[in-house]
Amino acid sequence: MRWKNLGQSSNVEDRRGVPVSGRTMAVGGGGIGMLIIIILIALLGGDPQQVIQQLPAGGGAPSAQRESAPRQFSPEEEELKSMVSAVLKSTEDVWGQLFAQSGRRYEPPKLVLFTGQVRSRCGHGSAEMGPFYCPEDQTVYIDLSFYRELRQRFQAPGDFAQAYVIAHEVGHHVQNLLGVSGQVHAARQQLSESQYNDLSVRLELQADYYAGVWAHHAQRTKSILEPGDLEEALNAASAIGDDNIQKKIQGYAVPDSFTHGTGEQRVRWFRKGFQSGDPNQGDTFNTPNL
């Protein structure tokens, strides 16, 4: 991916290595197995509260004790930070133009880099949850160690796979600005768990679509893609599909429990956004065929 000519966003806050006060959520009874499940459930966007509310509180060591003092970062880590900032800047440019074309003003999100634990207005977040977007403070949160998990655990390497992660989270910000995510969360009390899961899947697939829309325009204006880049993003989208995750963890899939969509669905909606570049063709809520 050609990201070094994209500029750097001024909306990145670096909290890596900064201790967070308070207690962490315990992973009760499940040990490392439950920890892996948390990683998989919350990957790439989701509502962090949905995960936190299902976990028992207490039992963990104070996060301040678990965090190390601020440390120096390797050149590789600093380059990864620069890449994330460049991708965020590109999303700002693309969505700023697209919003202006529809007579709206785009307010870009902040992006916070953290290590281990972080405090947001949506509650405490952790590296185990994966990257997430908090609509309450309009901020994307990511521990860069997630990219190692993406590469090693999910066999989805590549800088454009990493860019897809950021673009997906920014897709949730776009949904927040348009009022879509608020409508979905407001409906939660009136729906059964399976019905709400269906809405959650549609929300996530639309964020994948918006990630594809970003890639379309970034490629058209800046020629960011190198050979194999698109395949990297599609591979990542497939690898973190609910069906593939559940089969990997428990050997079978439970469709009613899906919250992000199957690998095939995630690939299809990202690809559709990339091919069309039109935000208006990404209505995942009014199509019978996801």
C-alpha atoms as a PDB file:
ATOM      1  CA  MET A   1       0.000   0.000   0.000  1.00  0.00           C
ATOM      2  CA  ARG A   2       1.325   3.436  -0.922  1.00  0.00           C
ATOM      3  CA  TRP A   3       0.478   5.347   2.232  1.00  0.00           C
ATOM      4  CA  LYS A   4       3.450   7.649   2.700  1.00  0.00           C
ATOM      5  CA  ASN A   5       2.059  10.283   0.315  1.00  0.00           C
ATOM      6  CA  LEU A   6      -1.268  10.560   2.158  1.00  0.00           C
ATOM      7  CA  GLY A   7      -0.146  13.016   4.816  1.00  0.00           C
ATOM      8  CA  GLN A   8      -0.686  12.647   8.562  1.00  0.00           C
ATOM      9  CA  SER A   9      -3.877  13.247  10.516  1.00  0.00           C
ATOM     10  CA  SER A  10      -3.872  15.804  13.322  1.00  0.00           C
ATOM     11  CA  ASN A  11      -6.591  13.813  15.103  1.00  0.00           C
ATOM     12  CA  VAL A  12      -4.399  11.034  16.524  1.00  0.00           C
ATOM     13  CA  GLU A  13      -3.795  10.908  20.272  1.00  0.00           C
ATOM     14  CA  ASP A  14      -1.007   8.642  21.482  1.00  0.00           C
ATOM     15  CA  ARG A  15      -1.735   7.105  24.901  1.00  0.00           C
ATOM     16  CA  ARG A  16       0.529   4.099  24.489  1.00  0.00           C
ATOM     17  CA  GLY A  17       2.199   3.109  27.712  1.00  0.00           C
ATOM     18  CA  VAL A  18       0.015   5.451  29.780  1.00  0.00           C
ATOM     19  CA  PRO A  19      -1.414   3.688  32.879  1.00  0.00           C
ATOM     20  CA  VAL A  20      -5.191   3.613  33.275  1.00  0.00           C
ATOM     21  CA  SER A  21      -6.686   3.778  36.751  1.00  0.00           C
ATOM     22  CA  GLY A  22      -9.478   1.456  37.835  1.00  0.00           C
ATOM     23  CA  ARG A  23      -9.949  -2.279  37.617  1.00  0.00           C
ATOM     24  CA  THR A  24     -10.050  -4.479  34.607  1.00  0.00           C
ATOM     25  CA  MET A  25     -12.862  -6.803  33.707  1.00  0.00           C
ATOM     26  CA  ALA A  26     -12.149 -10.349  34.767  1.00  0.00           C
ATOM     27  CA  VAL A  27     -12.420 -13.232  32.377  1.00  0.00           C
ATOM     28  CA  GLY A  28     -14.230 -15.491  34.787  1.00  0.00           C
ATOM     29  CA  GLY A  29     -13.762 -19.223  34.604  1.00  0.00           C
ATOM     30  CA  GLY A  30     -12.714 -19.386  30.989  1.00  0.00           C
ATOM     31  CA  GLY A  31      -9.030 -18.572  31.216  1.00  0.00           C
ATOM     32  CA  ILE A  32      -7.244 -17.980  27.935  1.00  0.00           C
ATOM     33  CA  GLY A  33     -10.029 -19.674  26.001  1.00  0.00           C
ATOM     34  CA  MET A  34     -12.540 -17.051  27.079  1.00  0.00           C
ATOM     35  CA  LEU A  35     -10.000 -14.355  26.352  1.00  0.00           C
ATOM     36  CA  ILE A  36      -9.735 -15.565  22.771  1.00  0.00           C
ATOM     37  CA  ILE A  37     -13.516 -15.582  22.455  1.00  0.00           C
ATOM     38  CA  ILE A  38     -13.647 -11.962  23.610  1.00  0.00           C
ATOM     39  CA  ILE A  39     -11.092 -11.033  20.973  1.00  0.00           C
ATOM     40  CA  LEU A  40     -13.077 -12.762  18.283  1.00  0.00           C
ATOM     41  CA  ILE A  41     -16.508 -11.469  19.268  1.00  0.00           C
ATOM     42  CA  ALA A  42     -15.441  -7.834  19.420  1.00  0.00           C
ATOM     43  CA  LEU A  43     -13.189  -7.737  16.376  1.00  0.00           C
ATOM     44  CA  LEU A  44     -13.444  -4.805  14.000  1.00  0.00           C
ATOM     45  CA  GLY A  45     -15.984  -2.556  15.349  1.00  0.00           C
ATOM     46  CA  GLY A  46     -18.886  -3.773  17.383  1.00  0.00           C
ATOM     47  CA  ASP A  47     -20.314  -2.101  20.411  1.00  0.00           C
ATOM     48  CA  PRO A  48     -17.859  -2.546  23.295  1.00  0.00           C
ATOM     49  CA  GLN A  49     -20.706  -2.351  25.800  1.00  0.00           C
ATOM     50  CA  GLN A  50     -22.243  -5.511  24.340  1.00  0.00           C
ATOM     51  CA  VAL A  51     -19.092  -7.378  25.264  1.00  0.00           C
ATOM     52  CA  ILE A  52     -18.482  -5.728  28.624  1.00  0.00           C
ATOM     53  CA  GLN A  53     -22.035  -6.280  29.842  1.00  0.00           C
ATOM     54  CA  GLN A  54     -21.682 -10.021  29.351  1.00  0.00           C
ATOM     55  CA  LEU A  55     -18.535 -10.233  31.455  1.00  0.00           C
ATOM     56  CA  PRO A  56     -18.409 -10.479  35.236  1.00  0.00           C
ATOM     57  CA  ALA A  57     -16.718  -7.511  36.839  1.00  0.00           C
ATOM     58  CA  GLY A  58     -13.996  -7.797  39.416  1.00  0.00           C
ATOM     59  CA  GLY A  59     -11.279 -10.341  39.956  1.00  0.00           C
ATOM     60  CA  GLY A  60      -8.699  -8.556  37.869  1.00  0.00           C
ATOM     61  CA  ALA A  61      -5.647  -6.730  39.029  1.00  0.00           C
ATOM     62  CA  PRO A  62      -5.810  -2.935  38.932  1.00  0.00           C
ATOM     63  CA  SER A  63      -4.849  -1.913  35.432  1.00  0.00           C
ATOM     64  CA  ALA A  64      -2.347   0.600  36.766  1.00  0.00           C
ATOM     65  CA  GLN A  65      -0.428  -2.326  38.197  1.00  0.00           C
ATOM     66  CA  ARG A  66      -0.538  -4.203  34.903  1.00  0.00           C
ATOM     67  CA  GLU A  67       0.636  -1.271  32.785  1.00  0.00           C
ATOM     68  CA  SER A  68       4.315  -0.573  32.494  1.00  0.00           C
ATOM     69  CA  ALA A  69       5.775   2.903  32.630  1.00  0.00           C
ATOM     70  CA  PRO A  70       5.824   4.849  29.370  1.00  0.00           C
ATOM     71  CA  ARG A  71       8.416   3.233  27.147  1.00  0.00           C
ATOM     72  CA  GLN A  72      10.327   3.843  23.986  1.00  0.00           C
ATOM     73  CA  PHE A  73       8.863   2.370  20.832  1.00  0.00           C
ATOM     74  CA  SER A  74      10.737   0.587  18.102  1.00  0.00           C
ATOM     75  CA  PRO A  75      11.122   2.084  14.617  1.00  0.00           C
ATOM     76  CA  GLU A  76       8.695  -0.573  13.361  1.00  0.00           C
ATOM     77  CA  GLU A  77       6.048   0.498  15.898  1.00  0.00           C
ATOM     78  CA  GLU A  78       6.540   4.150  15.045  1.00  0.00           C
ATOM     79  CA  GLU A  79       6.135   3.388  11.360  1.00  0.00           C
ATOM     80  CA  LEU A  80       2.919   1.534  12.125  1.00  0.00           C
ATOM     81  CA  LYS A  81       1.687   4.582  14.013  1.00  0.00           C
ATOM     82  CA  SER A  82       2.515   6.723  10.964  1.00  0.00           C
ATOM     83  CA  MET A  83       0.637   4.327   8.699  1.00  0.00           C
ATOM     84  CA  VAL A  84      -2.464   4.465  10.904  1.00  0.00           C
ATOM     85  CA  SER A  85      -2.299   8.262  10.957  1.00  0.00           C
ATOM     86  CA  ALA A  86      -1.953   8.364   7.171  1.00  0.00           C
ATOM     87  CA  VAL A  87      -4.968   6.090   6.672  1.00  0.00           C
ATOM     88  CA  LEU A  88      -7.010   8.223   9.055  1.00  0.00           C
ATOM     89  CA  LYS A  89      -5.996  11.336   7.100  1.00  0.00           C
ATOM     90  CA  SER A  90      -7.120   9.650   3.892  1.00  0.00           C
ATOM     91  CA  THR A  91     -10.515   8.808   5.404  1.00  0.00           C
ATOM     92  CA  GLU A  92     -10.852  12.439   6.466  1.00  0.00           C
ATOM     93  CA  ASP A  93     -10.191  13.607   2.909  1.00  0.00           C
ATOM     94  CA  VAL A  94     -12.518  11.063   1.292  1.00  0.00           C
ATOM     95  CA  TRP A  95     -15.448  11.412   3.669  1.00  0.00           C
ATOM     96  CA  GLY A  96     -15.030  15.187   3.814  1.00  0.00           C
ATOM     97  CA  GLN A  97     -15.533  15.325   0.058  1.00  0.00           C
ATOM     98  CA  LEU A  98     -18.405  12.846   0.026  1.00  0.00           C
ATOM     99  CA  PHE A  99     -20.265  14.650   2.805  1.00  0.00           C
ATOM    100  CA  ALA A 100     -19.745  17.999   1.065  1.00  0.00           C
ATOM    101  CA  GLN A 101     -21.230  16.583  -2.131  1.00  0.00           C
ATOM    102  CA  SER A 102     -24.416  15.788  -0.217  1.00  0.00           C
ATOM    103  CA  GLY A 103     -24.545  19.181   1.484  1.00  0.00           C
ATOM    104  CA  ARG A 104     -23.255  17.984   4.848  1.00  0.00           C
ATOM    105  CA  ARG A 105     -20.201  18.825   6.911  1.00  0.00           C
ATOM    106  CA  TYR A 106     -17.998  15.926   7.924  1.00  0.00           C
ATOM    107  CA  GLU A 107     -16.665  16.008  11.468  1.00  0.00           C
ATOM    108  CA  PRO A 108     -13.719  13.588  11.580  1.00  0.00           C
ATOM    109  CA  PRO A 109     -13.297  11.221  14.508  1.00  0.00           C
ATOM    110  CA  LYS A 110     -10.341  11.151  16.833  1.00  0.00           C
ATOM    111  CA  LEU A 111      -8.165   8.067  16.981  1.00  0.00           C
ATOM    112  CA  VAL A 112      -6.546   6.994  20.225  1.00  0.00           C
ATOM    113  CA  LEU A 113      -3.589   4.624  20.329  1.00  0.00           C
ATOM    114  CA  PHE A 114      -3.325   2.751  23.615  1.00  0.00           C
ATOM    115  CA  THR A 115      -1.517  -0.106  25.280  1.00  0.00           C
ATOM    116  CA  GLY A 116      -3.422  -2.770  27.172  1.00  0.00           C
ATOM    117  CA  GLN A 117      -6.233  -0.705  28.713  1.00  0.00           C
ATOM    118  CA  VAL A 118      -7.975   2.535  27.826  1.00  0.00           C
ATOM    119  CA  ARG A 119     -10.767   4.660  29.223  1.00  0.00           C
ATOM    120  CA  SER A 120     -13.466   5.917  26.856  1.00  0.00           C
ATOM    121  CA  ARG A 121     -16.894   7.451  27.347  1.00  0.00           C
ATOM    122  CA  CYS A 122     -18.296   4.037  26.418  1.00  0.00           C
ATOM    123  CA  GLY A 123     -16.452   2.490  29.374  1.00  0.00           C
ATOM    124  CA  HIS A 124     -13.124   0.765  29.814  1.00  0.00           C
ATOM    125  CA  GLY A 125     -11.662  -0.844  26.727  1.00  0.00           C
ATOM    126  CA  SER A 126      -8.870  -3.348  26.423  1.00  0.00           C
ATOM    127  CA  ALA A 127      -6.557  -4.822  23.845  1.00  0.00           C
ATOM    128  CA  GLU A 128      -8.483  -8.098  24.170  1.00  0.00           C
ATOM    129  CA  MET A 129     -11.597  -6.414  22.774  1.00  0.00           C
ATOM    130  CA  GLY A 130      -9.860  -5.443  19.564  1.00  0.00           C
ATOM    131  CA  PRO A 131     -10.288  -2.037  17.882  1.00  0.00           C
ATOM    132  CA  PHE A 132     -13.552  -0.283  18.608  1.00  0.00           C
ATOM    133  CA  TYR A 133     -15.428   2.928  17.943  1.00  0.00           C
ATOM    134  CA  CYS A 134     -17.121   4.807  20.774  1.00  0.00           C
ATOM    135  CA  PRO A 135     -20.013   6.964  19.526  1.00  0.00           C
ATOM    136  CA  GLU A 136     -20.201   8.828  22.840  1.00  0.00           C
ATOM    137  CA  ASP A 137     -16.846  10.534  22.254  1.00  0.00           C
ATOM    138  CA  GLN A 138     -16.670   9.946  18.482  1.00  0.00           C
ATOM    139  CA  THR A 139     -13.316   8.223  18.830  1.00  0.00           C
ATOM    140  CA  VAL A 140     -11.683   5.125  17.360  1.00  0.00           C
ATOM    141  CA  TYR A 141      -9.525   3.171  19.821  1.00  0.00           C
ATOM    142  CA  ILE A 142      -6.823   0.700  18.841  1.00  0.00           C
ATOM    143  CA  ASP A 143      -3.976  -1.123  20.511  1.00  0.00           C
ATOM    144  CA  LEU A 144      -1.485  -1.654  17.700  1.00  0.00           C
ATOM    145  CA  SER A 145      -0.719  -5.135  19.017  1.00  0.00           C
ATOM    146  CA  PHE A 146      -4.007  -6.108  17.374  1.00  0.00           C
ATOM    147  CA  TYR A 147      -2.235  -6.095  14.055  1.00  0.00           C
ATOM    148  CA  ARG A 148       0.061  -8.826  15.296  1.00  0.00           C
ATOM    149  CA  GLU A 149      -3.040 -10.864  16.200  1.00  0.00           C
ATOM    150  CA  LEU A 150      -4.493 -10.188  12.771  1.00  0.00           C
ATOM    151  CA  ARG A 151      -1.319 -11.394  11.120  1.00  0.00           C
ATOM    152  CA  GLN A 152      -0.502 -14.379  13.313  1.00  0.00           C
ATOM    153  CA  ARG A 153      -3.803 -15.686  14.695  1.00  0.00           C
ATOM    154  CA  PHE A 154      -6.008 -14.921  11.709  1.00  0.00           C
ATOM    155  CA  GLN A 155      -3.441 -15.293   8.935  1.00  0.00           C
ATOM    156  CA  ALA A 156      -4.413 -11.909   7.515  1.00  0.00           C
ATOM    157  CA  PRO A 157      -1.147  -9.997   7.002  1.00  0.00           C
ATOM    158  CA  GLY A 158      -0.495  -6.862   5.012  1.00  0.00           C
ATOM    159  CA  ASP A 159      -0.688  -3.112   5.403  1.00  0.00           C
ATOM    160  CA  PHE A 160      -3.921  -2.842   3.422  1.00  0.00           C
ATOM    161  CA  ALA A 161      -5.530  -5.381   5.750  1.00  0.00           C
ATOM    162  CA  GLN A 162      -4.467  -3.038   8.545  1.00  0.00           C
ATOM    163  CA  ALA A 163      -5.910  -0.060   6.690  1.00  0.00           C
ATOM    164  CA  TYR A 164      -9.199  -1.933   6.285  1.00  0.00           C
ATOM    165  CA  VAL A 165      -9.446  -2.145  10.087  1.00  0.00           C
ATOM    166  CA  ILE A 166      -9.209   1.639  10.434  1.00  0.00           C
ATOM    167  CA  ALA A 167     -11.586   2.266   7.527  1.00  0.00           C
ATOM    168  CA  HIS A 168     -14.165  -0.096   9.060  1.00  0.00           C
ATOM    169  CA  GLU A 169     -14.074   1.759  12.380  1.00  0.00           C
ATOM    170  CA  VAL A 170     -14.384   5.083  10.568  1.00  0.00           C
ATOM    171  CA  GLY A 171     -17.374   3.521   8.804  1.00  0.00           C
ATOM    172  CA  HIS A 172     -19.013   3.262  12.228  1.00  0.00           C
ATOM    173  CA  HIS A 173     -18.289   6.964  12.734  1.00  0.00           C
ATOM    174  CA  VAL A 174     -20.024   7.750   9.447  1.00  0.00           C
ATOM    175  CA  GLN A 175     -23.018   5.717  10.636  1.00  0.00           C
ATOM    176  CA  ASN A 176     -23.010   7.693  13.871  1.00  0.00           C
ATOM    177  CA  LEU A 177     -22.990  11.031  12.053  1.00  0.00           C
ATOM    178  CA  LEU A 178     -25.846   9.888   9.824  1.00  0.00           C
ATOM    179  CA  GLY A 179     -27.899   8.677  12.798  1.00  0.00           C
ATOM    180  CA  VAL A 180     -27.913   5.052  11.697  1.00  0.00           C
ATOM    181  CA  SER A 181     -26.125   3.547  14.687  1.00  0.00           C
ATOM    182  CA  GLY A 182     -28.315   5.524  17.096  1.00  0.00           C
ATOM    183  CA  GLN A 183     -31.449   4.062  15.535  1.00  0.00           C
ATOM    184  CA  VAL A 184     -30.066   0.538  15.772  1.00  0.00           C
ATOM    185  CA  HIS A 185     -29.088   0.856  19.424  1.00  0.00           C
ATOM    186  CA  ALA A 186     -32.411   2.514  20.291  1.00  0.00           C
ATOM    187  CA  ALA A 187     -34.245  -0.519  18.927  1.00  0.00           C
ATOM    188  CA  ARG A 188     -32.440  -2.900  21.242  1.00  0.00           C
ATOM    189  CA  GLN A 189     -35.038  -2.892  24.019  1.00  0.00           C
ATOM    190  CA  GLN A 190     -37.868  -3.801  21.637  1.00  0.00           C
ATOM    191  CA  LEU A 191     -36.177  -6.765  20.005  1.00  0.00           C
ATOM    192  CA  SER A 192     -35.262 -10.304  20.893  1.00  0.00           C
ATOM    193  CA  GLU A 193     -31.602 -11.212  21.052  1.00  0.00           C
ATOM    194  CA  SER A 194     -31.655 -12.872  17.635  1.00  0.00           C
ATOM    195  CA  GLN A 195     -33.514  -9.923  16.099  1.00  0.00           C
ATOM    196  CA  TYR A 196     -31.013  -7.460  17.526  1.00  0.00           C
ATOM    197  CA  ASN A 197     -28.150  -9.636  16.345  1.00  0.00           C
ATOM    198  CA  ASP A 198     -29.581  -9.376  12.844  1.00  0.00           C
ATOM    199  CA  LEU A 199     -29.541  -5.571  13.091  1.00  0.00           C
ATOM    200  CA  SER A 200     -26.004  -5.698  14.452  1.00  0.00           C
ATOM    201  CA  VAL A 201     -24.903  -7.778  11.456  1.00  0.00           C
ATOM    202  CA  ARG A 202     -26.454  -5.242   9.093  1.00  0.00           C
ATOM    203  CA  LEU A 203     -24.715  -2.402  10.929  1.00  0.00           C
ATOM    204  CA  GLU A 204     -21.345  -4.149  10.665  1.00  0.00           C
ATOM    205  CA  LEU A 205     -21.775  -5.020   7.003  1.00  0.00           C
ATOM    206  CA  GLN A 206     -22.605  -1.412   6.220  1.00  0.00           C
ATOM    207  CA  ALA A 207     -19.375  -0.382   7.968  1.00  0.00           C
ATOM    208  CA  ASP A 208     -17.567  -2.871   5.720  1.00  0.00           C
ATOM    209  CA  TYR A 209     -19.294  -1.304   2.728  1.00  0.00           C
ATOM    210  CA  TYR A 210     -18.182   2.165   3.810  1.00  0.00           C
ATOM    211  CA  ALA A 211     -14.635   0.860   4.185  1.00  0.00           C
ATOM    212  CA  GLY A 212     -14.850  -0.231   0.555  1.00  0.00           C
ATOM    213  CA  VAL A 213     -16.191   3.189  -0.449  1.00  0.00           C
ATOM    214  CA  TRP A 214     -13.162   4.807   1.185  1.00  0.00           C
ATOM    215  CA  ALA A 215     -10.801   2.430  -0.641  1.00  0.00           C
ATOM    216  CA  HIS A 216     -12.487   3.212  -3.968  1.00  0.00           C
ATOM    217  CA  HIS A 217     -11.959   6.959  -3.650  1.00  0.00           C
ATOM    218  CA  ALA A 218      -8.500   6.704  -2.082  1.00  0.00           C
ATOM    219  CA  GLN A 219      -7.422   4.585  -5.024  1.00  0.00           C
ATOM    220  CA  ARG A 220      -9.034   6.893  -7.575  1.00  0.00           C
ATOM    221  CA  THR A 221      -7.441  10.050  -6.172  1.00  0.00           C
ATOM    222  CA  LYS A 222      -4.145   8.800  -4.715  1.00  0.00           C
ATOM    223  CA  SER A 223      -3.474   5.402  -6.372  1.00  0.00           C
ATOM    224  CA  ILE A 224      -2.766   3.818  -3.000  1.00  0.00           C
ATOM    225  CA  LEU A 225      -3.061   0.175  -4.044  1.00  0.00           C
ATOM    226  CA  GLU A 226      -0.151  -2.042  -4.930  1.00  0.00           C
ATOM    227  CA  PRO A 227      -0.494  -5.557  -6.392  1.00  0.00           C
ATOM    228  CA  GLY A 228      -2.098  -7.865  -3.843  1.00  0.00           C
ATOM    229  CA  ASP A 229      -3.437  -5.099  -1.580  1.00  0.00           C
ATOM    230  CA  LEU A 230      -7.104  -5.643  -2.343  1.00  0.00           C
ATOM    231  CA  GLU A 231      -6.699  -9.360  -1.693  1.00  0.00           C
ATOM    232  CA  GLU A 232      -5.192  -8.528   1.722  1.00  0.00           C
ATOM    233  CA  ALA A 233      -8.318  -6.635   2.763  1.00  0.00           C
ATOM    234  CA  LEU A 234     -10.661  -9.294   1.405  1.00  0.00           C
ATOM    235  CA  ASN A 235      -8.698 -11.995   3.210  1.00  0.00           C
ATOM    236  CA  ALA A 236      -8.988 -10.076   6.476  1.00  0.00           C
ATOM    237  CA  ALA A 237     -12.732  -9.543   5.974  1.00  0.00           C
ATOM    238  CA  SER A 238     -13.222 -13.259   5.380  1.00  0.00           C
ATOM    239  CA  ALA A 239     -11.016 -14.374   8.263  1.00  0.00           C
ATOM    240  CA  ILE A 240     -13.003 -12.433  10.866  1.00  0.00           C
ATOM    241  CA  GLY A 241     -16.451 -13.484   9.629  1.00  0.00           C
ATOM    242  CA  ASP A 242     -18.598 -14.904  12.434  1.00  0.00           C
ATOM    243  CA  ASP A 243     -18.889 -18.296  10.779  1.00  0.00           C
ATOM    244  CA  ASN A 244     -15.160 -18.728  10.322  1.00  0.00           C
ATOM    245  CA  ILE A 245     -14.438 -17.531  13.845  1.00  0.00           C
ATOM    246  CA  GLN A 246     -16.981 -19.855  15.451  1.00  0.00           C
ATOM    247  CA  LYS A 247     -15.836 -22.844  13.426  1.00  0.00           C
ATOM    248  CA  LYS A 248     -12.279 -22.120  14.476  1.00  0.00           C
ATOM    249  CA  ILE A 249     -13.223 -21.875  18.155  1.00  0.00           C
ATOM    250  CA  GLN A 250     -15.922 -24.518  18.572  1.00  0.00           C
ATOM    251  CA  GLY A 251     -15.995 -26.462  15.341  1.00  0.00           C
ATOM    252  CA  TYR A 252     -19.419 -25.273  14.167  1.00  0.00           C
ATOM    253  CA  ALA A 253     -21.330 -22.044  13.511  1.00  0.00           C
ATOM    254  CA  VAL A 254     -24.507 -20.735  15.181  1.00  0.00           C
ATOM    255  CA  PRO A 255     -26.058 -18.251  12.721  1.00  0.00           C
ATOM    256  CA  ASP A 256     -28.537 -16.763  15.217  1.00  0.00           C
ATOM    257  CA  SER A 257     -25.599 -15.619  17.335  1.00  0.00           C
ATOM    258  CA  PHE A 258     -23.809 -13.810  14.500  1.00  0.00           C
ATOM    259  CA  THR A 259     -23.190 -10.117  15.191  1.00  0.00           C
ATOM    260  CA  HIS A 260     -20.795  -9.167  12.363  1.00  0.00           C
ATOM    261  CA  GLY A 261     -21.777 -11.347   9.401  1.00  0.00           C
ATOM    262  CA  THR A 262     -20.224 -14.313   7.670  1.00  0.00           C
ATOM    263  CA  GLY A 263     -16.868 -14.084   5.966  1.00  0.00           C
ATOM    264  CA  GLU A 264     -18.567 -14.246   2.580  1.00  0.00           C
ATOM    265  CA  GLN A 265     -20.931 -11.412   3.506  1.00  0.00           C
ATOM    266  CA  ARG A 266     -18.141  -9.196   4.792  1.00  0.00           C
ATOM    267  CA  VAL A 267     -16.107  -9.758   1.640  1.00  0.00           C
ATOM    268  CA  ARG A 268     -19.124  -9.094  -0.581  1.00  0.00           C
ATOM    269  CA  TRP A 269     -20.084  -5.812   1.057  1.00  0.00           C
ATOM    270  CA  PHE A 270     -16.520  -4.485   1.169  1.00  0.00           C
ATOM    271  CA  ARG A 271     -16.081  -5.415  -2.480  1.00  0.00           C
ATOM    272  CA  LYS A 272     -19.412  -3.812  -3.391  1.00  0.00           C
ATOM    273  CA  GLY A 273     -18.365  -0.554  -1.733  1.00  0.00           C
ATOM    274  CA  PHE A 274     -14.999  -0.668  -3.457  1.00  0.00           C
ATOM    275  CA  GLN A 275     -16.569  -1.220  -6.859  1.00  0.00           C
ATOM    276  CA  SER A 276     -19.304   1.411  -6.580  1.00  0.00           C
ATOM    277  CA  GLY A 277     -17.764   4.162  -4.461  1.00  0.00           C
ATOM    278  CA  ASP A 278     -21.323   5.333  -3.783  1.00  0.00           C
ATOM    279  CA  PRO A 279     -22.329   5.601  -0.106  1.00  0.00           C
ATOM    280  CA  ASN A 280     -25.988   5.546  -1.101  1.00  0.00           C
ATOM    281  CA  GLN A 281     -25.791   1.987  -2.426  1.00  0.00           C
ATOM    282  CA  GLY A 282     -24.841   0.567   0.967  1.00  0.00           C
ATOM    283  CA  ASP A 283     -28.272   0.191   2.544  1.00  0.00           C
ATOM    284  CA  THR A 284     -27.835  -3.155   4.271  1.00  0.00           C
ATOM    285  CA  PHE A 285     -30.995  -2.635   6.321  1.00  0.00           C
ATOM    286  CA  ASN A 286     -33.487  -2.896   3.480  1.00  0.00           C
ATOM    287  CA  THR A 287     -32.201  -5.827   1.494  1.00  0.00           C
ATOM    288  CA  PRO A 288     -33.320  -9.426   1.983  1.00  0.00           C
ATOM    289  CA  ASN A 289     -30.045 -10.697   0.573  1.00  0.00           C
ATOM    290  CA  LEU A 290     -27.065  -9.892   2.760  1.00  0.00           C
END
